[in-house]
């Protein structure tokens, strides 16, 4: 008989007299890193100068329109991170392309200090300018405590907890909330309040929680909650953890800002694809494509397809969900997908001493405060192996030279391959081959994608009925397996909510 699964959940109480120890909240190589002067200059530009520079290079964009975009106040999605590729065409058309937008972006532990005197760095910038404002505006202290909940990345989660304690000047509960753990120490009451177990079965109500729960957060965190959650699960379903809905959000928002001559740049994307259809769409992209499970993260559920063997290997895997997306593949010029917008390929890193060029991405983390959006954190990641010109001569898989995610999933949790991390310091930044205009472009693209997802979240919430519009969501994302997972309320799944609505409609029509 198999031994009962042991609980990994952990509870800590962060007190005011605790010190923020940088060694606990940054990678060792970040501690003594010096931020690159170009990156520091970009972070100190401010939105007015970024608008001026961007519109100088894009004269068809009206500065007033771009200012309106950067001043946008999000309702659901106030903290975001986008992963972008720096790409070009053979004719020299360069752009930053959004690969995905994340509603729990990592990066604080990878960022050199912006100001030597402030070791809390981006942790404090985010919590002071975004979280504190929301907590003070939307909660009352007598309604409960503060918490940070997480299911990975303890290094950053604990950094957020200590900084939140300092910013709000009150203790913070740091609580893990793992998927399928046999002993949950976070629960929701029937009327929607989060509670955390502080030990000996003592439960404390939480008025506001900063969330770093990344793995299927919708199956533990209900959409309807009296506890303020930053970011709420609705932002995940609207695109922050749902690539299918993100693609639709980008398309709708692009139509909205087309007259402003603005656009979210993404790979060409085919949505709502059933597994059996995938070989047809891979063929449509010339045999080279990227297949994604829409609800994965940390590099999980992403498949680069460049040959029949890789396609067969993917098709042989068991399917957990009913929907996929298929995107054009960005690789070397000789084997990138040809799309309606042209053939884009990786600019890549500056060649090393062996004359090898690697794929690299850029993570841009942003947050919104009372003055609008601003950039917080930047870092890069490079692939395992260098790009090759000829796929037929490639001795390794396409994922080895195209995949950049650093997360490594293990049986007992997660690890990170920091050898491929590119810091924004004097040493690593120069490898990326990007300049300040590329950083401005990446920032604008990240803001546009975050707004698109926030607007989608607004569409998915019915203000008149004060509930998640499960009918609209199921129409746009018709995946029964996902609907079974989503908690609309503490004890009701989205599929159960749909069934109840259908039953009520049938009863009304027959009466």
Foldseek 3Di string as FASTA:
>chain_A
DDDDDAFPKDKDKAFPPDDQDLPLQADPVQAPFAFDVQVLCLQPCDPVNLLVVLCVVVVLFDSVVLLCLQQDDFDFQFKKKWKWFWKAAPVGDTATATAAMARQDDFQNQAHASDPVDSLALLLVCCQFFVVVCCVVQFDPVQFAEEEEAADDVSNSVSNQNNNCNNVVGMYMYIYAHPPGPDGQWAADQQAWIWGQPDPRDITTHQEYEYHYQALVQLGHAQDHNRHYRNGCLLCLCGNQFPQNLVVLQVVLCVVCVSSVDHQHHFDKDWFDFLVCVVVVCVVQVQWKWKADGRDDLPPRIFTTRDPVSSVVVSPDDDLWGIMMIGWAAAAQQRGGADPVGGMHGPFWCQDPVRFGATKIKMWMWGQGNRGIRTRGMWMFTAQGGGDNDPVPDPDDPCRRHPGRQWDQDPVGIDGDCVRIAYSGPPRVNGGPDGSSNVSSSVSSNSSSSVSSSVSSVVQADPVVRFGNLVVSCVSVVMVSSQQSGRRGSPDGSVRVVVVVVVVVVVVVVD
